[in-house]
Amino acid sequence: MTPRKVSKKVASGVAVTGAAALVATGLLLGSGSSSAVPVSLTLDYTCPFPLIGNQDIKAVITSDLPASVGIGEQTGKIAIKAVTTVSETATQGLTLVGAKTIEGTALAASTVAAPGITLPVNVPVVVDKTDVPASGAFDVIATGEAPSLSFNQPGEAKITVGDLVLTLTPKTADGSETGLGTFESACTAKPGQDNLLHTFTIGGDTPTTVPTTPPPTSTTPPTTPPTTPPTTPPTTPPTTPPTTPPTTPPTTPPTTPPSNGVKVDYAIKGNTNLSKLGGPVPLNGTFNATADLAAGKYVGDLKIDPTKGSFKVFGFLPSDANIKVVPVGQPSGTVKTGAITFDGQINVVLDRLTLFGIPISEGDTCRTTAPSALKLASTGNFDVLKGGQIKGNYTLSSLDGCGFLTPIISLLAQGSGNTIDLTLTAKTGTSAGR
């Protein structure tokens, strides 16, 4: 669960863009080259997403890139395709906020290292509008194009893929934005991976290193160096720089991404009715929950502010009570699209009880002898980013420690049929995975 301002930090659509961004990094060489070979690269990333916190995503980039490029020859542009699998957890995060589709863009950082020049290149890509299923993982496709390049020194050039920044917009069935709005996620490539997308030759008839098959998807770096070392870079830069090299460096991802999990803070406002005493007792407080979206469950911390109630004992004797609702342990429940359940326990303390305005019990001694089970459920649509209403009932046990009128007070208070009606409102400024 997560409030409106979830650190505009499910979730899973994000994985989708991840792939797109990665794809873009491969868009560096194109159809203008003398020959082309199929290339493939699989990389693992860690991305902070709304609702679900840090998530691991896998992106597979495929394309046809030149085996060699002539000196001064323009590479031309090339279209690249990437497929990213969105996790089941991310899918649930998206469905919880009512997302039916997801779309967006990405900016991928890559580097072209050639004799005499090393170019950082940011490549923009577009994430196709993709339907979000009701459950389970799903694939997202991203495509893009990179600018044409040319080189003025012979030798070996390499393209490596770096981090990426995703900008995603989940949308509802009518095409409007969800409570998440448009959010950005800075993804970091996991260390220890081989991030080499392609090696090609500048000048000459044959490439120095030409992959004959797509590189393996393993994240373990290769142990065998290239058979032919790169040509020693010259002391002077090439006379023909790339025609459209990007100048903006990639956005630096956060050094400490938020931890996994959905954390939501709610304000509580409502009332409870004690069936034998009558009259609503106002309730205010907070509920801070942490959800496991994959399991569809949550736990939380409930706090109810001290309150007061006025009753009619035997239907006509005026009585006032200062009441404390004391949670026992951590409440838990289930969460799914549009609905939650709540399962907890409370003790009730009457820390000041009067009859005709005369105190008959003071202090924390007057309390229930056993915890009351609260089993509540949402009514209507429950939006995890905004909140909603939950209702239920509970039974009060006998009371003890209420002074000389304890037997009468206990008899009047204990029993079933007590109702509780609460409205949960998500607090602004709460962040998922904090």
Protein backbone atom coordinates (compact mmCIF):
# COMPACT_ATOMS: atom_id res chain seq x y z
CA MET A 1 0.00 0.00 0.00
CA THR A 2 1.19 3.49 -0.60
CA PRO A 3 -0.07 7.03 -0.34
CA ARG A 4 -0.37 9.70 -2.96
CA LYS A 5 3.18 10.86 -2.51
CA VAL A 6 5.02 7.57 -2.61
CA SER A 7 8.33 9.24 -2.96
CA LYS A 8 7.14 9.52 -6.61
CA LYS A 9 9.60 6.88 -5.95
CA VAL A 10 4.90 -0.88 -9.36
CA ALA A 11 6.08 -0.67 -10.05
CA SER A 12 6.72 -3.09 -12.41
CA GLY A 13 6.07 -1.16 -15.48
CA VAL A 14 9.30 0.28 -14.54
CA ALA A 15 11.03 -2.90 -15.40
CA VAL A 16 9.61 -2.47 -18.75
CA THR A 17 11.24 0.81 -19.36
CA GLY A 18 14.40 -0.62 -18.05
CA ALA A 19 14.54 -2.79 -21.03
CA ALA A 20 13.83 0.09 -23.26
CA ALA A 21 16.61 2.11 -21.88
CA LEU A 22 19.04 -0.68 -22.24
CA VAL A 23 17.98 -1.12 -25.74
CA ALA A 24 18.87 2.41 -26.45
CA THR A 25 22.42 1.96 -25.37
CA GLY A 26 22.95 -0.38 -28.22
CA LEU A 27 21.82 2.17 -30.77
CA LEU A 28 25.25 3.43 -31.51
CA LEU A 29 26.14 1.90 -34.84
CA GLY A 30 23.98 1.41 -37.81
CA SER A 31 23.07 0.41 -41.26
CA GLY A 32 25.73 2.58 -42.90
CA SER A 33 28.44 0.12 -41.91
CA SER A 34 30.02 -2.32 -44.30
CA SER A 35 28.59 -5.45 -42.66
CA ALA A 36 26.41 -6.33 -39.71
CA VAL A 37 26.25 -9.14 -37.17
CA PRO A 38 23.52 -10.02 -34.66
CA VAL A 39 24.34 -9.02 -31.08
CA SER A 40 22.60 -9.67 -27.79
CA LEU A 41 23.28 -8.50 -24.23
CA THR A 42 21.47 -9.35 -20.99
CA LEU A 43 21.99 -7.09 -17.99
CA ASP A 44 20.63 -7.04 -14.46
CA TYR A 45 19.66 -3.75 -12.79
CA THR A 46 18.39 -2.56 -9.43
CA CYS A 47 15.65 0.08 -9.74
CA PRO A 48 13.74 1.96 -7.01
CA PHE A 49 10.02 1.94 -7.88
CA PRO A 50 6.88 3.39 -6.32
CA LEU A 51 4.90 1.00 -4.12
CA ILE A 52 7.39 -1.84 -4.28
CA GLY A 53 10.73 -0.25 -3.42
CA ASN A 54 13.92 -1.71 -4.93
CA GLN A 55 13.35 -4.28 -7.64
CA ASP A 56 15.74 -6.36 -9.72
CA ILE A 57 15.01 -6.21 -13.44
CA LYS A 58 16.54 -8.06 -16.37
CA ALA A 59 16.79 -6.45 -19.79
CA VAL A 60 17.64 -8.27 -23.03
CA ILE A 61 18.95 -6.10 -25.88
CA THR A 62 19.14 -7.44 -29.42
CA SER A 63 20.19 -5.80 -32.68
CA ASP A 64 22.30 -6.06 -35.80
CA LEU A 65 25.50 -4.00 -35.49
CA PRO A 66 28.43 -3.55 -37.89
CA ALA A 67 31.35 -5.90 -37.82
CA SER A 68 33.52 -3.13 -39.26
CA VAL A 69 33.31 0.55 -40.24
CA GLY A 70 35.50 2.35 -42.71
CA ILE A 71 37.52 5.40 -41.67
CA GLY A 72 35.34 8.48 -42.10
CA GLU A 73 32.35 6.34 -42.95
CA GLN A 74 29.03 7.26 -41.32
CA THR A 75 27.51 4.43 -39.35
CA GLY A 76 23.98 5.62 -40.00
CA LYS A 77 21.15 5.08 -37.56
CA ILE A 78 19.86 1.75 -36.37
CA ALA A 79 16.70 0.62 -34.63
CA ILE A 80 17.13 -1.58 -31.60
CA LYS A 81 14.61 -3.68 -29.70
CA ALA A 82 14.68 -4.59 -26.03
CA VAL A 83 12.42 -6.91 -24.08
CA THR A 84 12.03 -6.57 -20.33
CA THR A 85 10.03 -8.90 -18.13
CA VAL A 86 7.96 -7.13 -15.49
CA SER A 87 7.81 -9.05 -12.22
CA GLU A 88 4.65 -10.32 -10.57
CA THR A 89 5.28 -8.00 -7.62
CA ALA A 90 5.46 -5.00 -9.93
CA THR A 91 2.27 -6.10 -11.66
CA GLN A 92 0.46 -6.17 -8.33
CA GLY A 93 1.80 -2.73 -7.48
CA LEU A 94 0.41 -1.37 -10.74
CA THR A 95 -2.99 -3.01 -10.37
CA LEU A 96 -3.32 -1.71 -6.80
CA VAL A 97 -3.35 1.85 -8.13
CA GLY A 98 -5.77 0.98 -10.92
CA ALA A 99 -3.22 0.95 -13.75
CA LYS A 100 -4.41 -0.73 -16.94
CA THR A 101 -1.54 0.39 -19.18
CA ILE A 102 1.98 1.75 -18.78
CA GLU A 103 4.13 3.80 -21.14
CA GLY A 104 7.06 6.18 -21.00
CA THR A 105 10.62 6.91 -21.99
CA ALA A 106 14.12 6.11 -20.82
CA LEU A 107 17.60 7.59 -21.06
CA ALA A 108 20.37 5.03 -21.24
CA ALA A 109 24.00 5.74 -20.54
CA SER A 110 26.57 4.04 -22.78
CA THR A 111 30.15 4.54 -23.85
CA VAL A 112 31.89 4.23 -27.22
CA ALA A 113 35.63 3.74 -26.82
CA ALA A 114 37.64 4.03 -30.06
CA PRO A 115 41.26 4.90 -30.87
CA GLY A 116 41.87 8.45 -29.67
CA ILE A 117 38.38 9.05 -28.32
CA THR A 118 36.00 7.90 -25.59
CA LEU A 119 32.44 9.15 -25.93
CA PRO A 120 29.77 9.05 -23.22
CA VAL A 121 26.46 8.74 -25.05
CA ASN A 122 22.94 9.10 -23.66
CA VAL A 123 20.35 7.47 -25.87
CA PRO A 124 16.60 8.23 -25.51
CA VAL A 125 14.15 5.39 -26.15
CA VAL A 126 10.39 4.97 -26.09
CA VAL A 127 8.56 2.35 -24.06
CA ASP A 128 5.59 1.02 -26.01
CA LYS A 129 2.17 1.43 -24.42
CA THR A 130 1.61 -1.95 -22.80
CA ASP A 131 -1.46 -3.49 -21.18
CA VAL A 132 -1.06 -4.41 -17.50
CA PRO A 133 -2.50 -7.87 -16.76
CA ALA A 134 -4.57 -8.60 -13.67
CA SER A 135 -1.75 -10.72 -12.25
CA GLY A 136 1.52 -12.41 -13.09
CA ALA A 137 4.62 -11.23 -14.93
CA PHE A 138 4.46 -9.66 -18.38
CA ASP A 139 6.83 -8.48 -21.12
CA VAL A 140 7.33 -4.91 -22.27
CA ILE A 141 8.98 -3.86 -25.53
CA ALA A 142 11.08 -0.72 -25.96
CA THR A 143 12.55 0.72 -29.14
CA GLY A 144 14.78 3.61 -30.09
CA GLU A 145 17.37 5.08 -32.43
CA ALA A 146 20.88 6.42 -31.95
CA PRO A 147 22.71 9.11 -33.91
CA SER A 148 25.14 8.31 -36.69
CA LEU A 149 28.86 8.31 -35.84
CA SER A 150 32.10 8.35 -37.81
CA PHE A 151 35.73 7.70 -36.86
CA ASN A 152 39.04 9.01 -38.19
CA GLN A 153 41.53 6.53 -36.70
CA PRO A 154 41.86 2.81 -37.46
CA GLY A 155 41.68 0.22 -34.72
CA GLU A 156 39.19 -1.48 -32.45
CA ALA A 157 36.11 0.17 -30.92
CA LYS A 158 33.89 -1.07 -28.11
CA ILE A 159 30.36 -0.24 -27.01
CA THR A 160 29.53 -0.73 -23.33
CA VAL A 161 26.21 -0.21 -21.55
CA GLY A 162 25.82 1.66 -18.25
CA ASP A 163 23.08 2.89 -15.92
CA LEU A 164 19.70 4.21 -17.00
CA VAL A 165 16.96 6.61 -15.95
CA LEU A 166 13.32 5.64 -16.46
CA THR A 167 10.35 7.99 -16.74
CA LEU A 168 7.06 6.07 -16.61
CA THR A 169 3.35 6.89 -16.57
CA PRO A 170 0.81 4.24 -15.49
CA LYS A 171 -2.72 5.02 -16.73
CA THR A 172 -6.22 3.89 -15.84
CA ALA A 173 -8.76 2.36 -18.22
CA ASP A 174 -10.01 5.79 -19.31
CA GLY A 175 -6.48 6.98 -20.11
CA SER A 176 -6.07 9.25 -17.09
CA GLU A 177 -3.05 9.09 -14.78
CA THR A 178 -3.13 7.02 -11.60
CA GLY A 179 -2.25 8.45 -8.21
CA LEU A 180 1.38 7.75 -8.99
CA GLY A 181 1.37 10.30 -11.80
CA THR A 182 4.56 10.27 -13.88
CA PHE A 183 7.55 9.09 -11.86
CA GLU A 184 11.29 8.74 -12.44
CA SER A 185 13.51 5.85 -11.40
CA ALA A 186 17.31 5.87 -11.58
CA CYS A 187 18.45 2.29 -12.18
CA THR A 188 21.92 1.00 -11.35
CA ALA A 189 23.59 -1.86 -13.20
CA LYS A 190 24.58 -4.63 -10.82
CA PRO A 191 28.36 -4.89 -10.37
CA GLY A 192 30.44 -7.74 -11.73
CA GLN A 193 28.63 -8.03 -15.07
CA ASP A 194 30.12 -8.02 -18.53
CA ASN A 195 28.50 -4.90 -19.99
CA LEU A 196 30.21 -5.12 -23.40
CA LEU A 197 27.53 -4.95 -26.06
CA HIS A 198 29.73 -5.07 -29.19
CA THR A 199 33.29 -4.82 -30.53
CA PHE A 200 33.96 -3.71 -34.11
CA THR A 201 36.86 -2.69 -36.33
CA ILE A 202 37.50 0.76 -37.75
CA GLY A 203 39.24 0.46 -41.11
CA GLY A 204 40.53 -2.79 -42.65
CA ASP A 205 38.61 -5.57 -44.27
CA THR A 206 37.94 -7.76 -41.25
CA PRO A 207 36.96 -7.00 -37.72
CA THR A 208 39.46 -7.50 -34.91
CA THR A 209 36.83 -9.17 -32.76
CA VAL A 210 33.55 -10.26 -34.29
CA PRO A 211 31.05 -12.22 -32.18
CA THR A 212 29.67 -15.13 -34.18
CA THR A 213 26.94 -15.85 -31.65
CA PRO A 214 25.12 -13.64 -29.20
CA PRO A 215 27.03 -13.25 -25.93
CA PRO A 216 25.89 -15.47 -23.06
CA THR A 217 23.31 -14.11 -20.61
CA SER A 218 25.47 -14.96 -17.62
CA THR A 219 26.40 -12.00 -15.42
CA THR A 220 29.86 -13.48 -14.72
CA PRO A 221 32.59 -11.43 -16.44
CA PRO A 222 34.61 -13.31 -19.06
CA THR A 223 37.91 -14.71 -17.90
CA THR A 224 39.59 -14.84 -21.33
CA PRO A 225 40.75 -11.48 -22.72
CA PRO A 226 40.36 -10.68 -26.45
CA THR A 227 42.84 -12.51 -28.66
CA THR A 228 43.98 -9.23 -30.20
CA PRO A 229 44.55 -6.31 -27.83
CA PRO A 230 43.08 -2.93 -28.76
CA THR A 231 45.21 -0.69 -30.95
CA THR A 232 47.24 1.81 -28.92
CA PRO A 233 45.35 5.11 -29.02
CA PRO A 234 47.14 7.89 -30.94
CA THR A 235 48.18 11.06 -29.18
CA THR A 236 45.96 13.24 -31.38
CA PRO A 237 42.14 13.03 -31.50
CA PRO A 238 40.29 12.20 -34.72
CA THR A 239 39.67 15.09 -37.07
CA THR A 240 36.06 14.06 -37.66
CA PRO A 241 34.11 13.97 -34.39
CA PRO A 242 30.72 12.24 -34.16
CA THR A 243 28.06 14.22 -35.98
CA THR A 244 25.61 14.41 -33.06
CA PRO A 245 27.26 13.34 -29.82
CA PRO A 246 25.10 14.03 -26.76
CA THR A 247 26.77 16.41 -24.30
CA THR A 248 24.64 15.86 -21.21
CA PRO A 249 26.10 13.26 -18.83
CA PRO A 250 23.74 10.61 -17.51
CA THR A 251 21.80 11.34 -14.35
CA THR A 252 23.61 9.95 -11.33
CA PRO A 253 21.50 7.28 -9.62
CA PRO A 254 20.96 7.54 -5.87
CA THR A 255 23.81 6.11 -3.84
CA THR A 256 21.46 4.52 -1.35
CA PRO A 257 18.26 3.36 -3.05
CA PRO A 258 15.24 2.88 -0.80
CA SER A 259 14.77 -0.60 0.61
CA ASN A 260 12.18 -3.04 -0.64
CA GLY A 261 8.60 -2.94 0.55
CA VAL A 262 5.44 -0.88 0.47
CA LYS A 263 5.21 1.43 3.47
CA VAL A 264 2.15 3.62 3.92
CA ASP A 265 1.07 5.96 6.69
CA TYR A 266 -2.63 6.66 7.22
CA ALA A 267 -4.50 9.06 9.45
CA ILE A 268 -7.54 7.47 11.15
CA LYS A 269 -10.86 9.16 11.90
CA GLY A 270 -14.10 7.46 12.88
CA ASN A 271 -16.15 6.20 15.79
CA THR A 272 -17.21 3.17 17.76
CA ASN A 273 -20.58 2.35 19.29
CA LEU A 274 -20.82 0.30 22.48
CA SER A 275 -24.01 -1.68 22.08
CA LYS A 276 -25.05 -1.71 25.77
CA LEU A 277 -24.10 1.87 26.60
CA GLY A 278 -25.12 3.63 23.38
CA GLY A 279 -23.74 6.84 21.95
CA PRO A 280 -20.85 7.01 19.47
CA VAL A 281 -17.31 7.39 20.83
CA PRO A 282 -15.05 9.38 18.45
CA LEU A 283 -11.80 7.73 17.39
CA ASN A 284 -8.69 9.37 15.92
CA GLY A 285 -5.20 8.01 15.38
CA THR A 286 -2.73 6.60 12.87
CA PHE A 287 -2.01 3.35 11.12
CA ASN A 288 1.42 2.73 9.57
CA ALA A 289 1.52 -0.36 7.38
CA THR A 290 4.17 -2.37 5.55
CA ALA A 291 2.86 -4.60 2.75
CA ASP A 292 4.24 -7.60 0.91
CA LEU A 293 2.52 -7.14 -2.44
CA ALA A 294 3.63 -10.48 -3.82
CA ALA A 295 1.90 -12.25 -0.93
CA GLY A 296 -1.01 -9.80 -0.78
CA LYS A 297 -0.49 -9.27 2.96
CA TYR A 298 0.53 -6.48 5.32
CA VAL A 299 1.37 -5.76 8.96
CA GLY A 300 1.22 -2.42 10.72
CA ASP A 301 1.30 -0.28 13.84
CA LEU A 302 -2.03 1.04 15.13
CA LYS A 303 -2.27 4.03 17.47
CA ILE A 304 -5.60 5.40 18.76
CA ASP A 305 -5.65 8.73 20.61
CA PRO A 306 -7.29 8.89 24.06
CA THR A 307 -10.97 9.75 23.67
CA LYS A 308 -14.12 10.43 25.71
CA GLY A 309 -17.65 9.09 25.72
CA SER A 310 -20.95 10.02 27.35
CA PHE A 311 -23.43 7.27 28.13
CA LYS A 312 -26.75 6.60 29.81
CA VAL A 313 -26.38 3.85 32.40
CA PHE A 314 -29.59 1.82 32.58
CA GLY A 315 -30.86 4.16 29.90
CA PHE A 316 -31.16 7.22 32.14
CA LEU A 317 -28.16 7.64 34.49
CA PRO A 318 -25.60 10.05 32.93
CA SER A 319 -22.06 8.73 32.87
CA ASP A 320 -18.84 10.01 31.29
CA ALA A 321 -15.67 8.04 30.62
CA ASN A 322 -12.14 8.80 29.46
CA ILE A 323 -11.27 5.90 27.19
CA LYS A 324 -7.99 4.47 25.94
CA VAL A 325 -7.88 1.91 23.13
CA VAL A 326 -4.63 -0.03 23.51
CA PRO A 327 -3.55 -2.25 20.55
CA VAL A 328 -2.19 -5.69 21.38
CA GLY A 329 0.61 -6.69 19.01
CA GLN A 330 0.66 -5.69 15.35
CA PRO A 331 -2.53 -5.79 13.26
CA SER A 332 -2.32 -7.58 9.93
CA GLY A 333 -4.51 -8.20 6.93
CA THR A 334 -4.79 -8.78 3.24
CA VAL A 335 -4.54 -6.30 0.37
CA LYS A 336 -5.73 -6.63 -3.20
CA THR A 337 -7.01 -4.30 -5.87
CA GLY A 338 -9.70 -2.09 -4.35
CA ALA A 339 -10.01 -3.93 -1.03
CA ILE A 340 -8.30 -4.71 2.28
CA THR A 341 -9.07 -6.67 5.43
CA PHE A 342 -7.88 -5.83 8.95
CA ASP A 343 -7.28 -8.29 11.76
CA GLY A 344 -6.06 -7.06 15.17
CA GLN A 345 -6.61 -7.06 18.92
CA ILE A 346 -7.25 -4.26 21.43
CA ASN A 347 -7.69 -3.73 25.14
CA VAL A 348 -10.01 -1.00 26.44
CA VAL A 349 -9.08 1.12 29.46
CA LEU A 350 -11.51 3.46 31.28
CA ASP A 351 -8.99 5.73 32.98
CA ARG A 352 -11.68 8.01 34.44
CA LEU A 353 -15.30 7.04 34.99
CA THR A 354 -17.97 9.32 36.46
CA LEU A 355 -21.62 8.92 37.42
CA PHE A 356 -23.68 12.10 37.82
CA GLY A 357 -20.35 13.89 37.46
CA ILE A 358 -18.92 12.11 40.48
CA PRO A 359 -15.71 10.11 39.83
CA ILE A 360 -16.15 6.46 40.69
CA SER A 361 -12.92 5.18 39.10
CA GLU A 362 -9.65 6.84 38.08
CA GLY A 363 -6.32 5.55 36.74
CA ASP A 364 -5.50 2.71 34.35
CA THR A 365 -6.82 -0.07 36.55
CA CYS A 366 -10.32 -0.20 35.04
CA ARG A 367 -9.84 -2.27 31.90
CA THR A 368 -10.99 -5.28 29.93
CA THR A 369 -9.80 -8.62 31.25
CA ALA A 370 -9.04 -10.03 27.78
CA PRO A 371 -8.20 -8.52 24.38
CA SER A 372 -11.00 -7.91 21.90
CA ALA A 373 -10.56 -9.21 18.35
CA LEU A 374 -11.08 -6.60 15.62
CA LYS A 375 -12.01 -8.08 12.25
CA LEU A 376 -12.65 -5.28 9.79
CA ALA A 377 -13.01 -5.04 6.03
CA SER A 378 -13.08 -2.20 3.53
CA THR A 379 -16.39 -0.94 2.18
CA GLY A 380 -16.53 0.44 -1.34
CA ASN A 381 -13.29 0.96 -3.22
CA PHE A 382 -10.11 1.16 -1.14
CA ASP A 383 -7.35 3.10 -2.93
CA VAL A 384 -3.96 2.37 -1.39
CA LEU A 385 -2.70 5.79 -2.50
CA LYS A 386 -5.61 7.65 -0.92
CA GLY A 387 -7.26 5.37 1.63
CA GLY A 388 -10.85 4.36 2.21
CA GLN A 389 -13.34 3.14 4.76
CA ILE A 390 -13.20 0.00 6.90
CA LYS A 391 -15.91 -1.36 9.18
CA GLY A 392 -16.51 -4.25 11.53
CA ASN A 393 -17.56 -5.28 15.01
CA TYR A 394 -16.03 -6.66 18.17
CA THR A 395 -16.87 -8.13 21.55
CA LEU A 396 -15.81 -6.62 24.88
CA SER A 397 -14.76 -8.94 27.68
CA SER A 398 -15.61 -8.30 31.32
CA LEU A 399 -13.94 -5.35 33.08
CA ASP A 400 -11.96 -5.33 36.30
CA GLY A 401 -10.39 -2.71 38.59
CA CYS A 402 -13.23 -0.20 38.29
CA GLY A 403 -13.82 0.43 41.99
CA PHE A 404 -16.77 -0.59 44.10
CA LEU A 405 -19.09 -0.54 41.07
CA THR A 406 -16.91 -2.94 39.08
CA PRO A 407 -19.54 -5.72 38.84
CA ILE A 408 -22.17 -3.28 37.55
CA ILE A 409 -19.82 -1.51 35.11
CA SER A 410 -18.53 -4.82 33.79
CA LEU A 411 -22.03 -6.12 33.27
CA LEU A 412 -23.03 -2.96 31.41
CA ALA A 413 -19.98 -2.85 29.14
CA GLN A 414 -19.19 -6.44 28.23
CA GLY A 415 -20.79 -8.20 25.30
CA SER A 416 -20.94 -8.41 21.51
CA GLY A 417 -22.44 -6.19 18.85
CA ASN A 418 -20.04 -3.28 19.35
CA THR A 419 -19.35 -1.62 15.98
CA ILE A 420 -16.41 0.34 14.65
CA ASP A 421 -16.30 2.54 11.54
CA LEU A 422 -13.00 4.09 10.45
CA THR A 423 -11.83 6.21 7.54
CA LEU A 424 -8.15 5.84 6.59
CA THR A 425 -6.58 8.77 4.75
CA ALA A 426 -3.10 8.37 3.29
CA LYS A 427 -0.71 10.99 4.60
CA THR A 428 1.27 13.06 2.12
CA GLY A 429 5.04 12.84 2.32
CA THR A 430 5.05 9.09 2.99
CA SER A 431 7.48 7.06 0.88
CA ALA A 432 7.38 3.45 -0.21
CA GLY A 433 10.40 1.35 0.66
CA ARG A 434 11.68 3.93 3.12
